[in-house]
Structures are given as structure tokens and as C-alpha cells.
Amino acid sequence: MGLAASAIAQAHMRAKNVPLFWTLLNVAVLLFATFLAAGADDKNIDSAVLGRNSFFLLIITLLSAGFTTYLSEREPV
């Protein structure tokens, strides 16, 4: 959640370099991570499904936040 939130803030600071798609993807990741975290303590939760979803969310977060950071910090062409 922290990576997605910092990528959103970084994209806002340098809005000219980052397409809106990447910001919206980071917002979606943040919302989905919040949803997963809220249900993680339920006693009826399937831990295998939660683990798999968390892993996929981590990969998507690393890609979207990393690419947002790259686009934010690269020099304008």
C-alpha cells in the first residue's frame, strides 16, 4: 500500500511525465490492497487464496509503482 501511495504522490508532483493510466492503476492497487487487508483477519478466509492474491498484488504493485517512478524521474525528451 505504501508503494502505491508514494507512486501516486510522485506522479502528481510530475504530472507532465506520467500518463493518467499509471496513476489510476496505482489507485486501483491501493484500493484492492485495502480491501485484502480488511478481510485478512476473518477466520473463514482461505489462506491459500489470500496468499495467491497478495502475491499477484505485490507483483502488480512493483511493476506499476516502478514504472510510475521511472516515468516521473526520467528526463523529458
PDB file of N, CA and C in Angstrom:
ATOM      1  N   MET A   1       0.830  -1.179   0.000  1.00  0.00           N
ATOM      2  CA  MET A   1       0.000   0.000   0.000  1.00  0.00           C
ATOM      3  C   MET A   1       0.878   1.247   0.000  1.00  0.00           C
ATOM      4  N   GLY A   2       1.987   1.179   0.682  1.00  0.00           N
ATOM      5  CA  GLY A   2       2.891   2.325   0.733  1.00  0.00           C
ATOM      6  C   GLY A   2       3.532   2.627  -0.605  1.00  0.00           C
ATOM      7  N   LEU A   3       3.900   1.576  -1.347  1.00  0.00           N
ATOM      8  CA  LEU A   3       4.483   1.796  -2.675  1.00  0.00           C
ATOM      9  C   LEU A   3       3.487   2.455  -3.613  1.00  0.00           C
ATOM     10  N   ALA A   4       2.261   1.981  -3.611  1.00  0.00           N
ATOM     11  CA  ALA A   4       1.240   2.551  -4.484  1.00  0.00           C
ATOM     12  C   ALA A   4       0.950   3.999  -4.104  1.00  0.00           C
ATOM     13  N   ALA A   5       0.866   4.282  -2.812  1.00  0.00           N
ATOM     14  CA  ALA A   5       0.582   5.644  -2.366  1.00  0.00           C
ATOM     15  C   ALA A   5       1.719   6.596  -2.725  1.00  0.00           C
ATOM     16  N   SER A   6       2.960   6.158  -2.557  1.00  0.00           N
ATOM     17  CA  SER A   6       4.075   7.033  -2.906  1.00  0.00           C
ATOM     18  C   SER A   6       4.181   7.235  -4.411  1.00  0.00           C
ATOM     19  N   ALA A   7       3.828   6.226  -5.194  1.00  0.00           N
ATOM     20  CA  ALA A   7       3.837   6.383  -6.650  1.00  0.00           C
ATOM     21  C   ALA A   7       2.771   7.372  -7.103  1.00  0.00           C
ATOM     22  N   ILE A   8       1.614   7.356  -6.437  1.00  0.00           N
ATOM     23  CA  ILE A   8       0.553   8.316  -6.759  1.00  0.00           C
ATOM     24  C   ILE A   8       1.035   9.735  -6.466  1.00  0.00           C
ATOM     25  N   ALA A   9       1.654   9.925  -5.308  1.00  0.00           N
ATOM     26  CA  ALA A   9       2.159  11.251  -4.940  1.00  0.00           C
ATOM     27  C   ALA A   9       3.249  11.709  -5.894  1.00  0.00           C
ATOM     28  N   GLN A  10       4.120  10.814  -6.268  1.00  0.00           N
ATOM     29  CA  GLN A  10       5.200  11.172  -7.177  1.00  0.00           C
ATOM     30  C   GLN A  10       4.653  11.528  -8.564  1.00  0.00           C
ATOM     31  N   ALA A  11       3.639  10.811  -9.007  1.00  0.00           N
ATOM     32  CA  ALA A  11       3.031  11.114 -10.302  1.00  0.00           C
ATOM     33  C   ALA A  11       2.345  12.475 -10.267  1.00  0.00           C
ATOM     34  N   HIS A  12       1.754  12.847  -9.136  1.00  0.00           N
ATOM     35  CA  HIS A  12       1.115  14.159  -9.010  1.00  0.00           C
ATOM     36  C   HIS A  12       2.140  15.289  -9.043  1.00  0.00           C
ATOM     37  N   MET A  13       3.290  15.053  -8.444  1.00  0.00           N
ATOM     38  CA  MET A  13       4.320  16.089  -8.430  1.00  0.00           C
ATOM     39  C   MET A  13       4.878  16.350  -9.819  1.00  0.00           C
ATOM     40  N   ARG A  14       4.901  15.315 -10.650  1.00  0.00           N
ATOM     41  CA  ARG A  14       5.452  15.443 -12.001  1.00  0.00           C
ATOM     42  C   ARG A  14       4.430  14.951 -13.025  1.00  0.00           C
ATOM     43  N   ALA A  15       3.292  15.592 -13.047  1.00  0.00           N
ATOM     44  CA  ALA A  15       2.162  15.114 -13.847  1.00  0.00           C
ATOM     45  C   ALA A  15       2.430  15.140 -15.343  1.00  0.00           C
ATOM     46  N   LYS A  16       3.339  15.928 -15.812  1.00  0.00           N
ATOM     47  CA  LYS A  16       3.591  16.018 -17.253  1.00  0.00           C
ATOM     48  C   LYS A  16       4.253  14.761 -17.803  1.00  0.00           C
ATOM     49  N   ASN A  17       5.001  14.050 -16.963  1.00  0.00           N
ATOM     50  CA  ASN A  17       5.750  12.892 -17.444  1.00  0.00           C
ATOM     51  C   ASN A  17       5.011  11.570 -17.298  1.00  0.00           C
ATOM     52  N   VAL A  18       3.925  11.536 -16.516  1.00  0.00           N
ATOM     53  CA  VAL A  18       3.258  10.274 -16.207  1.00  0.00           C
ATOM     54  C   VAL A  18       1.854  10.264 -16.804  1.00  0.00           C
ATOM     55  N   PRO A  19       1.563   9.282 -17.677  1.00  0.00           N
ATOM     56  CA  PRO A  19       0.189   9.176 -18.200  1.00  0.00           C
ATOM     57  C   PRO A  19      -0.814   8.861 -17.085  1.00  0.00           C
ATOM     58  N   LEU A  20      -2.034   9.279 -17.275  1.00  0.00           N
ATOM     59  CA  LEU A  20      -3.086   9.092 -16.282  1.00  0.00           C
ATOM     60  C   LEU A  20      -3.330   7.612 -15.985  1.00  0.00           C
ATOM     61  N   PHE A  21      -3.109   6.745 -16.958  1.00  0.00           N
ATOM     62  CA  PHE A  21      -3.332   5.320 -16.777  1.00  0.00           C
ATOM     63  C   PHE A  21      -2.548   4.772 -15.581  1.00  0.00           C
ATOM     64  N   TRP A  22      -1.265   5.156 -15.456  1.00  0.00           N
ATOM     65  CA  TRP A  22      -0.431   4.620 -14.389  1.00  0.00           C
ATOM     66  C   TRP A  22      -0.886   5.120 -13.034  1.00  0.00           C
ATOM     67  N   THR A  23      -1.347   6.348 -12.961  1.00  0.00           N
ATOM     68  CA  THR A  23      -1.869   6.864 -11.702  1.00  0.00           C
ATOM     69  C   THR A  23      -3.138   6.121 -11.310  1.00  0.00           C
ATOM     70  N   LEU A  24      -4.025   5.897 -12.269  1.00  0.00           N
ATOM     71  CA  LEU A  24      -5.260   5.174 -11.982  1.00  0.00           C
ATOM     72  C   LEU A  24      -4.984   3.720 -11.602  1.00  0.00           C
ATOM     73  N   LEU A  25      -3.996   3.116 -12.219  1.00  0.00           N
ATOM     74  CA  LEU A  25      -3.627   1.742 -11.854  1.00  0.00           C
ATOM     75  C   LEU A  25      -3.108   1.695 -10.419  1.00  0.00           C
ATOM     76  N   ASN A  26      -2.318   2.678 -10.019  1.00  0.00           N
ATOM     77  CA  ASN A  26      -1.833   2.732  -8.639  1.00  0.00           C
ATOM     78  C   ASN A  26      -2.972   2.964  -7.655  1.00  0.00           C
ATOM     79  N   VAL A  27      -3.959   3.759  -8.028  1.00  0.00           N
ATOM     80  CA  VAL A  27      -5.129   3.961  -7.171  1.00  0.00           C
ATOM     81  C   VAL A  27      -5.900   2.648  -7.028  1.00  0.00           C
ATOM     82  N   ALA A  28      -6.059   1.922  -8.127  1.00  0.00           N
ATOM     83  CA  ALA A  28      -6.764   0.635  -8.083  1.00  0.00           C
ATOM     84  C   ALA A  28      -6.014  -0.362  -7.206  1.00  0.00           C
ATOM     85  N   VAL A  29      -4.696  -0.388  -7.311  1.00  0.00           N
ATOM     86  CA  VAL A  29      -3.879  -1.271  -6.473  1.00  0.00           C
ATOM     87  C   VAL A  29      -4.051  -0.908  -5.003  1.00  0.00           C
ATOM     88  N   LEU A  30      -4.046   0.385  -4.714  1.00  0.00           N
ATOM     89  CA  LEU A  30      -4.220   0.838  -3.331  1.00  0.00           C
ATOM     90  C   LEU A  30      -5.578   0.424  -2.777  1.00  0.00           C
ATOM     91  N   LEU A  31      -6.620   0.572  -3.576  1.00  0.00           N
ATOM     92  CA  LEU A  31      -7.956   0.178  -3.127  1.00  0.00           C
ATOM     93  C   LEU A  31      -8.059  -1.332  -2.929  1.00  0.00           C
ATOM     94  N   PHE A  32      -7.506  -2.113  -3.846  1.00  0.00           N
ATOM     95  CA  PHE A  32      -7.574  -3.558  -3.728  1.00  0.00           C
ATOM     96  C   PHE A  32      -6.745  -4.054  -2.537  1.00  0.00           C
ATOM     97  N   ALA A  33      -5.594  -3.432  -2.292  1.00  0.00           N
ATOM     98  CA  ALA A  33      -4.781  -3.811  -1.139  1.00  0.00           C
ATOM     99  C   ALA A  33      -5.509  -3.502   0.164  1.00  0.00           C
ATOM    100  N   THR A  34      -6.224  -2.392   0.199  1.00  0.00           N
ATOM    101  CA  THR A  34      -7.008  -2.049   1.378  1.00  0.00           C
ATOM    102  C   THR A  34      -8.116  -3.068   1.598  1.00  0.00           C
ATOM    103  N   PHE A  35      -8.752  -3.485   0.515  1.00  0.00           N
ATOM    104  CA  PHE A  35      -9.806  -4.496   0.592  1.00  0.00           C
ATOM    105  C   PHE A  35      -9.255  -5.830   1.103  1.00  0.00           C
ATOM    106  N   LEU A  36      -8.094  -6.249   0.579  1.00  0.00           N
ATOM    107  CA  LEU A  36      -7.490  -7.508   1.031  1.00  0.00           C
ATOM    108  C   LEU A  36      -7.066  -7.427   2.497  1.00  0.00           C
ATOM    109  N   ALA A  37      -6.513  -6.301   2.891  1.00  0.00           N
ATOM    110  CA  ALA A  37      -6.059  -6.157   4.274  1.00  0.00           C
ATOM    111  C   ALA A  37      -7.227  -6.172   5.251  1.00  0.00           C
ATOM    112  N   ALA A  38      -8.354  -5.617   4.841  1.00  0.00           N
ATOM    113  CA  ALA A  38      -9.512  -5.577   5.727  1.00  0.00           C
ATOM    114  C   ALA A  38     -10.074  -6.980   5.991  1.00  0.00           C
ATOM    115  N   GLY A  39     -10.001  -7.865   5.010  1.00  0.00           N
ATOM    116  CA  GLY A  39     -10.558  -9.206   5.173  1.00  0.00           C
ATOM    117  C   GLY A  39      -9.568 -10.258   5.612  1.00  0.00           C
ATOM    118  N   ALA A  40      -8.318  -9.883   5.840  1.00  0.00           N
ATOM    119  CA  ALA A  40      -7.280 -10.863   6.146  1.00  0.00           C
ATOM    120  C   ALA A  40      -7.456 -11.503   7.520  1.00  0.00           C
ATOM    121  N   ASP A  41      -8.135 -10.840   8.441  1.00  0.00           N
ATOM    122  CA  ASP A  41      -8.287 -11.370   9.796  1.00  0.00           C
ATOM    123  C   ASP A  41      -9.525 -12.238   9.979  1.00  0.00           C
ATOM    124  N   ASP A  42     -10.320 -12.408   8.941  1.00  0.00           N
ATOM    125  CA  ASP A  42     -11.525 -13.218   9.038  1.00  0.00           C
ATOM    126  C   ASP A  42     -11.139 -14.674   9.270  1.00  0.00           C
ATOM    127  N   LYS A  43     -11.835 -15.347  10.182  1.00  0.00           N
ATOM    128  CA  LYS A  43     -11.487 -16.733  10.496  1.00  0.00           C
ATOM    129  C   LYS A  43     -11.895 -17.699   9.392  1.00  0.00           C
ATOM    130  N   ASN A  44     -12.802 -17.301   8.500  1.00  0.00           N
ATOM    131  CA  ASN A  44     -13.251 -18.181   7.416  1.00  0.00           C
ATOM    132  C   ASN A  44     -12.493 -17.942   6.113  1.00  0.00           C
ATOM    133  N   ILE A  45     -11.440 -17.139   6.155  1.00  0.00           N
ATOM    134  CA  ILE A  45     -10.706 -16.818   4.938  1.00  0.00           C
ATOM    135  C   ILE A  45      -9.830 -18.003   4.521  1.00  0.00           C
ATOM    136  N   ASP A  46      -9.773 -18.263   3.241  1.00  0.00           N
ATOM    137  CA  ASP A  46      -8.907 -19.313   2.705  1.00  0.00           C
ATOM    138  C   ASP A  46      -7.506 -18.729   2.564  1.00  0.00           C
ATOM    139  N   SER A  47      -6.572 -19.209   3.344  1.00  0.00           N
ATOM    140  CA  SER A  47      -5.231 -18.619   3.366  1.00  0.00           C
ATOM    141  C   SER A  47      -4.493 -18.804   2.042  1.00  0.00           C
ATOM    142  N   ALA A  48      -4.785 -19.879   1.310  1.00  0.00           N
ATOM    143  CA  ALA A  48      -4.134 -20.095   0.017  1.00  0.00           C
ATOM    144  C   ALA A  48      -4.585 -19.045  -0.995  1.00  0.00           C
ATOM    145  N   VAL A  49      -5.859 -18.748  -1.006  1.00  0.00           N
ATOM    146  CA  VAL A  49      -6.385 -17.731  -1.923  1.00  0.00           C
ATOM    147  C   VAL A  49      -5.860 -16.355  -1.536  1.00  0.00           C
ATOM    148  N   LEU A  50      -5.850 -16.060  -0.266  1.00  0.00           N
ATOM    149  CA  LEU A  50      -5.334 -14.774   0.206  1.00  0.00           C
ATOM    150  C   LEU A  50      -3.855 -14.628  -0.135  1.00  0.00           C
ATOM    151  N   GLY A  51      -3.094 -15.673   0.047  1.00  0.00           N
ATOM    152  CA  GLY A  51      -1.669 -15.629  -0.286  1.00  0.00           C
ATOM    153  C   GLY A  51      -1.426 -15.445  -1.760  1.00  0.00           C
ATOM    154  N   ARG A  52      -2.179 -16.152  -2.590  1.00  0.00           N
ATOM    155  CA  ARG A  52      -2.029 -16.018  -4.041  1.00  0.00           C
ATOM    156  C   ARG A  52      -2.409 -14.619  -4.499  1.00  0.00           C
ATOM    157  N   ASN A  53      -3.529 -14.099  -3.993  1.00  0.00           N
ATOM    158  CA  ASN A  53      -3.944 -12.750  -4.368  1.00  0.00           C
ATOM    159  C   ASN A  53      -2.943 -11.698  -3.891  1.00  0.00           C
ATOM    160  N   SER A  54      -2.397 -11.901  -2.717  1.00  0.00           N
ATOM    161  CA  SER A  54      -1.394 -10.969  -2.197  1.00  0.00           C
ATOM    162  C   SER A  54      -0.128 -10.996  -3.044  1.00  0.00           C
ATOM    163  N   PHE A  55       0.265 -12.172  -3.484  1.00  0.00           N
ATOM    164  CA  PHE A  55       1.447 -12.289  -4.338  1.00  0.00           C
ATOM    165  C   PHE A  55       1.231 -11.573  -5.668  1.00  0.00           C
ATOM    166  N   PHE A  56       0.085 -11.808  -6.302  1.00  0.00           N
ATOM    167  CA  PHE A  56      -0.200 -11.137  -7.565  1.00  0.00           C
ATOM    168  C   PHE A  56      -0.280  -9.623  -7.379  1.00  0.00           C
ATOM    169  N   LEU A  57      -0.858  -9.197  -6.277  1.00  0.00           N
ATOM    170  CA  LEU A  57      -0.949  -7.767  -5.993  1.00  0.00           C
ATOM    171  C   LEU A  57       0.439  -7.171  -5.776  1.00  0.00           C
ATOM    172  N   LEU A  58       1.334  -7.909  -5.126  1.00  0.00           N
ATOM    173  CA  LEU A  58       2.697  -7.434  -4.937  1.00  0.00           C
ATOM    174  C   LEU A  58       3.403  -7.244  -6.278  1.00  0.00           C
ATOM    175  N   ILE A  59       3.282  -8.208  -7.175  1.00  0.00           N
ATOM    176  CA  ILE A  59       3.914  -8.109  -8.487  1.00  0.00           C
ATOM    177  C   ILE A  59       3.355  -6.919  -9.262  1.00  0.00           C
ATOM    178  N   ILE A  60       2.041  -6.763  -9.266  1.00  0.00           N
ATOM    179  CA  ILE A  60       1.417  -5.640  -9.968  1.00  0.00           C
ATOM    180  C   ILE A  60       1.847  -4.313  -9.345  1.00  0.00           C
ATOM    181  N   THR A  61       1.942  -4.266  -8.022  1.00  0.00           N
ATOM    182  CA  THR A  61       2.370  -3.052  -7.335  1.00  0.00           C
ATOM    183  C   THR A  61       3.803  -2.691  -7.696  1.00  0.00           C
ATOM    184  N   LEU A  62       4.682  -3.677  -7.696  1.00  0.00           N
ATOM    185  CA  LEU A  62       6.078  -3.407  -8.045  1.00  0.00           C
ATOM    186  C   LEU A  62       6.199  -2.899  -9.476  1.00  0.00           C
ATOM    187  N   LEU A  63       5.449  -3.491 -10.392  1.00  0.00           N
ATOM    188  CA  LEU A  63       5.505  -3.045 -11.786  1.00  0.00           C
ATOM    189  C   LEU A  63       4.915  -1.649 -11.964  1.00  0.00           C
ATOM    190  N   SER A  64       3.750  -1.420 -11.403  1.00  0.00           N
ATOM    191  CA  SER A  64       3.104  -0.121 -11.616  1.00  0.00           C
ATOM    192  C   SER A  64       3.833   1.000 -10.879  1.00  0.00           C
ATOM    193  N   ALA A  65       4.231   0.766  -9.638  1.00  0.00           N
ATOM    194  CA  ALA A  65       4.953   1.806  -8.894  1.00  0.00           C
ATOM    195  C   ALA A  65       6.344   2.040  -9.485  1.00  0.00           C
ATOM    196  N   GLY A  66       6.994   0.978  -9.886  1.00  0.00           N
ATOM    197  CA  GLY A  66       8.310   1.117 -10.509  1.00  0.00           C
ATOM    198  C   GLY A  66       8.258   1.869 -11.820  1.00  0.00           C
ATOM    199  N   PHE A  67       7.284   1.541 -12.650  1.00  0.00           N
ATOM    200  CA  PHE A  67       7.171   2.220 -13.934  1.00  0.00           C
ATOM    201  C   PHE A  67       6.742   3.672 -13.741  1.00  0.00           C
ATOM    202  N   THR A  68       5.876   3.940 -12.759  1.00  0.00           N
ATOM    203  CA  THR A  68       5.486   5.310 -12.462  1.00  0.00           C
ATOM    204  C   THR A  68       6.692   6.118 -11.995  1.00  0.00           C
ATOM    205  N   THR A  69       7.513   5.524 -11.137  1.00  0.00           N
ATOM    206  CA  THR A  69       8.724   6.198 -10.670  1.00  0.00           C
ATOM    207  C   THR A  69       9.678   6.463 -11.826  1.00  0.00           C
ATOM    208  N   TYR A  70       9.831   5.478 -12.701  1.00  0.00           N
ATOM    209  CA  TYR A  70      10.696   5.658 -13.860  1.00  0.00           C
ATOM    210  C   TYR A  70      10.210   6.802 -14.747  1.00  0.00           C
ATOM    211  N   LEU A  71       8.904   6.825 -15.034  1.00  0.00           N
ATOM    212  CA  LEU A  71       8.369   7.885 -15.871  1.00  0.00           C
ATOM    213  C   LEU A  71       8.455   9.256 -15.196  1.00  0.00           C
ATOM    214  N   SER A  72       8.345   9.274 -13.880  1.00  0.00           N
ATOM    215  CA  SER A  72       8.406  10.538 -13.146  1.00  0.00           C
ATOM    216  C   SER A  72       9.808  11.119 -13.147  1.00  0.00           C
ATOM    217  N   GLU A  73      10.808  10.262 -13.053  1.00  0.00           N
ATOM    218  CA  GLU A  73      12.163  10.739 -12.850  1.00  0.00           C
ATOM    219  C   GLU A  73      12.997  10.821 -14.129  1.00  0.00           C
ATOM    220  N   ARG A  74      12.504  10.311 -15.229  1.00  0.00           N
ATOM    221  CA  ARG A  74      13.307  10.388 -16.453  1.00  0.00           C
ATOM    222  C   ARG A  74      13.307  11.808 -16.989  1.00  0.00           C
ATOM    223  N   GLU A  75      14.324  12.099 -17.737  1.00  0.00           N
ATOM    224  CA  GLU A  75      14.452  13.434 -18.319  1.00  0.00           C
ATOM    225  C   GLU A  75      13.491  13.552 -19.496  1.00  0.00           C
ATOM    226  N   PRO A  76      12.854  14.721 -19.636  1.00  0.00           N
ATOM    227  CA  PRO A  76      11.953  14.917 -20.784  1.00  0.00           C
ATOM    228  C   PRO A  76      12.720  14.821 -22.091  1.00  0.00           C
ATOM    229  N   VAL A  77      12.099  14.207 -23.061  1.00  0.00           N
ATOM    230  CA  VAL A  77      12.753  14.011 -24.360  1.00  0.00           C
ATOM    231  C   VAL A  77      12.505  15.196 -25.248  1.00  0.00           C
TER     232      VAL A  77
END
